[in-house]
Amino acid sequence: MTIYEHAKRHAWFMAGALVLAVLFVAVVDRFFGHSTIAFGVAIIGLVIANRRMLAYNCPTCGKNLFFRGMFAVPWPNRVCGKCGTDLGAR
């Protein structure tokens, strides 16, 4: 499996984690009322789940697949933005 496929799998994992976090906050809100603690737990969970994102780097130059300049985006680059390596082929 290529680095791009691993990164793409992580992007789908994070989409599912986001849906679960939103549902968690909605359920807590419905049954217990508004809770900033539930929101905080959901945010901390998303940050912990997303820590793997920093491991998806170009094997040639080391640039992260999820960063475009100084911004992180939800979908990885298939071609490295720094050196032009095709990450779907490696």
C-alpha atoms as a PDB file:
ATOM      1  CA  MET A   1       0.000   0.000   0.000  1.00  0.00           C
ATOM      2  CA  THR A   2       1.363   3.418  -0.952  1.00  0.00           C
ATOM      3  CA  ILE A   3       1.852   6.339   1.413  1.00  0.00           C
ATOM      4  CA  TYR A   4      -0.978   8.144  -0.379  1.00  0.00           C
ATOM      5  CA  GLU A   5      -3.366   5.221   0.208  1.00  0.00           C
ATOM      6  CA  HIS A   6      -2.427   5.161   3.908  1.00  0.00           C
ATOM      7  CA  ALA A   7      -3.016   8.917   4.142  1.00  0.00           C
ATOM      8  CA  LYS A   8      -6.331   8.608   2.280  1.00  0.00           C
ATOM      9  CA  ARG A   9      -7.436   5.883   4.709  1.00  0.00           C
ATOM     10  CA  HIS A  10      -6.553   8.223   7.583  1.00  0.00           C
ATOM     11  CA  ALA A  11      -8.648  11.000   5.986  1.00  0.00           C
ATOM     12  CA  TRP A  12     -11.679   8.685   5.845  1.00  0.00           C
ATOM     13  CA  PHE A  13     -11.006   7.583   9.432  1.00  0.00           C
ATOM     14  CA  MET A  14     -11.022  11.216  10.527  1.00  0.00           C
ATOM     15  CA  ALA A  15     -14.285  11.867   8.659  1.00  0.00           C
ATOM     16  CA  GLY A  16     -15.860   9.026  10.635  1.00  0.00           C
ATOM     17  CA  ALA A  17     -14.333  10.287  13.878  1.00  0.00           C
ATOM     18  CA  LEU A  18     -15.785  13.741  13.207  1.00  0.00           C
ATOM     19  CA  VAL A  19     -19.256  12.283  12.660  1.00  0.00           C
ATOM     20  CA  LEU A  20     -18.972  10.306  15.914  1.00  0.00           C
ATOM     21  CA  ALA A  21     -17.791  13.393  17.813  1.00  0.00           C
ATOM     22  CA  VAL A  22     -20.731  15.455  16.552  1.00  0.00           C
ATOM     23  CA  LEU A  23     -23.163  12.658  17.427  1.00  0.00           C
ATOM     24  CA  PHE A  24     -21.606  12.348  20.897  1.00  0.00           C
ATOM     25  CA  VAL A  25     -22.093  16.059  21.586  1.00  0.00           C
ATOM     26  CA  ALA A  26     -25.657  15.937  20.213  1.00  0.00           C
ATOM     27  CA  VAL A  27     -26.598  12.943  22.371  1.00  0.00           C
ATOM     28  CA  VAL A  28     -25.138  14.499  25.513  1.00  0.00           C
ATOM     29  CA  ASP A  29     -26.943  17.748  24.695  1.00  0.00           C
ATOM     30  CA  ARG A  30     -30.240  15.915  24.174  1.00  0.00           C
ATOM     31  CA  PHE A  31     -30.150  13.844  27.368  1.00  0.00           C
ATOM     32  CA  PHE A  32     -28.184  16.021  29.803  1.00  0.00           C
ATOM     33  CA  GLY A  33     -28.486  19.550  28.442  1.00  0.00           C
ATOM     34  CA  HIS A  34     -25.795  21.781  27.022  1.00  0.00           C
ATOM     35  CA  SER A  35     -22.347  20.678  28.152  1.00  0.00           C
ATOM     36  CA  THR A  36     -19.059  22.322  27.368  1.00  0.00           C
ATOM     37  CA  ILE A  37     -17.380  19.282  28.922  1.00  0.00           C
ATOM     38  CA  ALA A  38     -18.836  17.008  26.217  1.00  0.00           C
ATOM     39  CA  PHE A  39     -17.635  19.441  23.562  1.00  0.00           C
ATOM     40  CA  GLY A  40     -14.173  19.501  25.132  1.00  0.00           C
ATOM     41  CA  VAL A  41     -14.046  15.697  25.280  1.00  0.00           C
ATOM     42  CA  ALA A  42     -15.013  15.527  21.585  1.00  0.00           C
ATOM     43  CA  ILE A  43     -12.308  18.042  20.604  1.00  0.00           C
ATOM     44  CA  ILE A  44      -9.611  16.285  22.649  1.00  0.00           C
ATOM     45  CA  GLY A  45     -10.653  12.960  21.091  1.00  0.00           C
ATOM     46  CA  LEU A  46     -10.370  14.406  17.585  1.00  0.00           C
ATOM     47  CA  VAL A  47      -6.929  15.868  18.303  1.00  0.00           C
ATOM     48  CA  ILE A  48      -5.712  12.520  19.664  1.00  0.00           C
ATOM     49  CA  ALA A  49      -7.192  10.606  16.710  1.00  0.00           C
ATOM     50  CA  ASN A  50      -5.565  13.017  14.259  1.00  0.00           C
ATOM     51  CA  ARG A  51      -2.040  12.803  15.678  1.00  0.00           C
ATOM     52  CA  ARG A  52      -1.209  10.128  13.079  1.00  0.00           C
ATOM     53  CA  MET A  53      -1.525  12.817  10.399  1.00  0.00           C
ATOM     54  CA  LEU A  54       2.002  14.009  11.149  1.00  0.00           C
ATOM     55  CA  ALA A  55       3.448  10.618  10.117  1.00  0.00           C
ATOM     56  CA  TYR A  56       2.380  10.888   6.455  1.00  0.00           C
ATOM     57  CA  ASN A  57       5.366  12.556   4.817  1.00  0.00           C
ATOM     58  CA  CYS A  58       6.862  12.423   1.334  1.00  0.00           C
ATOM     59  CA  PRO A  59       9.575   9.735   1.293  1.00  0.00           C
ATOM     60  CA  THR A  60      11.770  11.914  -0.949  1.00  0.00           C
ATOM     61  CA  CYS A  61      11.739  15.333   0.729  1.00  0.00           C
ATOM     62  CA  GLY A  62       9.783  14.833   3.969  1.00  0.00           C
ATOM     63  CA  LYS A  63       6.926  17.307   3.272  1.00  0.00           C
ATOM     64  CA  ASN A  64       3.672  16.334   4.980  1.00  0.00           C
ATOM     65  CA  LEU A  65       0.885  15.196   2.626  1.00  0.00           C
ATOM     66  CA  PHE A  66      -1.829  17.092   4.520  1.00  0.00           C
ATOM     67  CA  PHE A  67      -0.204  20.531   4.610  1.00  0.00           C
ATOM     68  CA  ARG A  68      -0.576  23.153   1.877  1.00  0.00           C
ATOM     69  CA  GLY A  69       1.804  25.878   2.902  1.00  0.00           C
ATOM     70  CA  MET A  70       1.022  26.634   6.528  1.00  0.00           C
ATOM     71  CA  PHE A  71      -2.531  25.242   6.399  1.00  0.00           C
ATOM     72  CA  ALA A  72      -3.611  21.672   7.142  1.00  0.00           C
ATOM     73  CA  VAL A  73      -6.298  20.324   4.816  1.00  0.00           C
ATOM     74  CA  PRO A  74      -8.536  17.254   5.211  1.00  0.00           C
ATOM     75  CA  TRP A  75      -7.363  15.424   2.054  1.00  0.00           C
ATOM     76  CA  PRO A  76      -3.748  14.417   1.260  1.00  0.00           C
ATOM     77  CA  ASN A  77      -1.729  15.423  -1.805  1.00  0.00           C
ATOM     78  CA  ARG A  78      -1.294  12.677  -4.406  1.00  0.00           C
ATOM     79  CA  VAL A  79       1.728  14.528  -5.809  1.00  0.00           C
ATOM     80  CA  CYS A  80       4.184  16.144  -3.416  1.00  0.00           C
ATOM     81  CA  GLY A  81       3.856  19.920  -3.482  1.00  0.00           C
ATOM     82  CA  LYS A  82       7.553  20.421  -2.792  1.00  0.00           C
ATOM     83  CA  CYS A  83       9.462  17.919  -4.957  1.00  0.00           C
ATOM     84  CA  GLY A  84       6.754  16.644  -7.354  1.00  0.00           C
ATOM     85  CA  THR A  85       7.027  12.964  -6.382  1.00  0.00           C
ATOM     86  CA  ASP A  86       3.991  10.873  -7.363  1.00  0.00           C
ATOM     87  CA  LEU A  87       2.947   9.527  -3.953  1.00  0.00           C
ATOM     88  CA  GLY A  88       0.288   7.254  -5.394  1.00  0.00           C
ATOM     89  CA  ALA A  89       2.936   5.238  -7.240  1.00  0.00           C
ATOM     90  CA  ARG A  90       5.258   4.601  -4.265  1.00  0.00           C
END
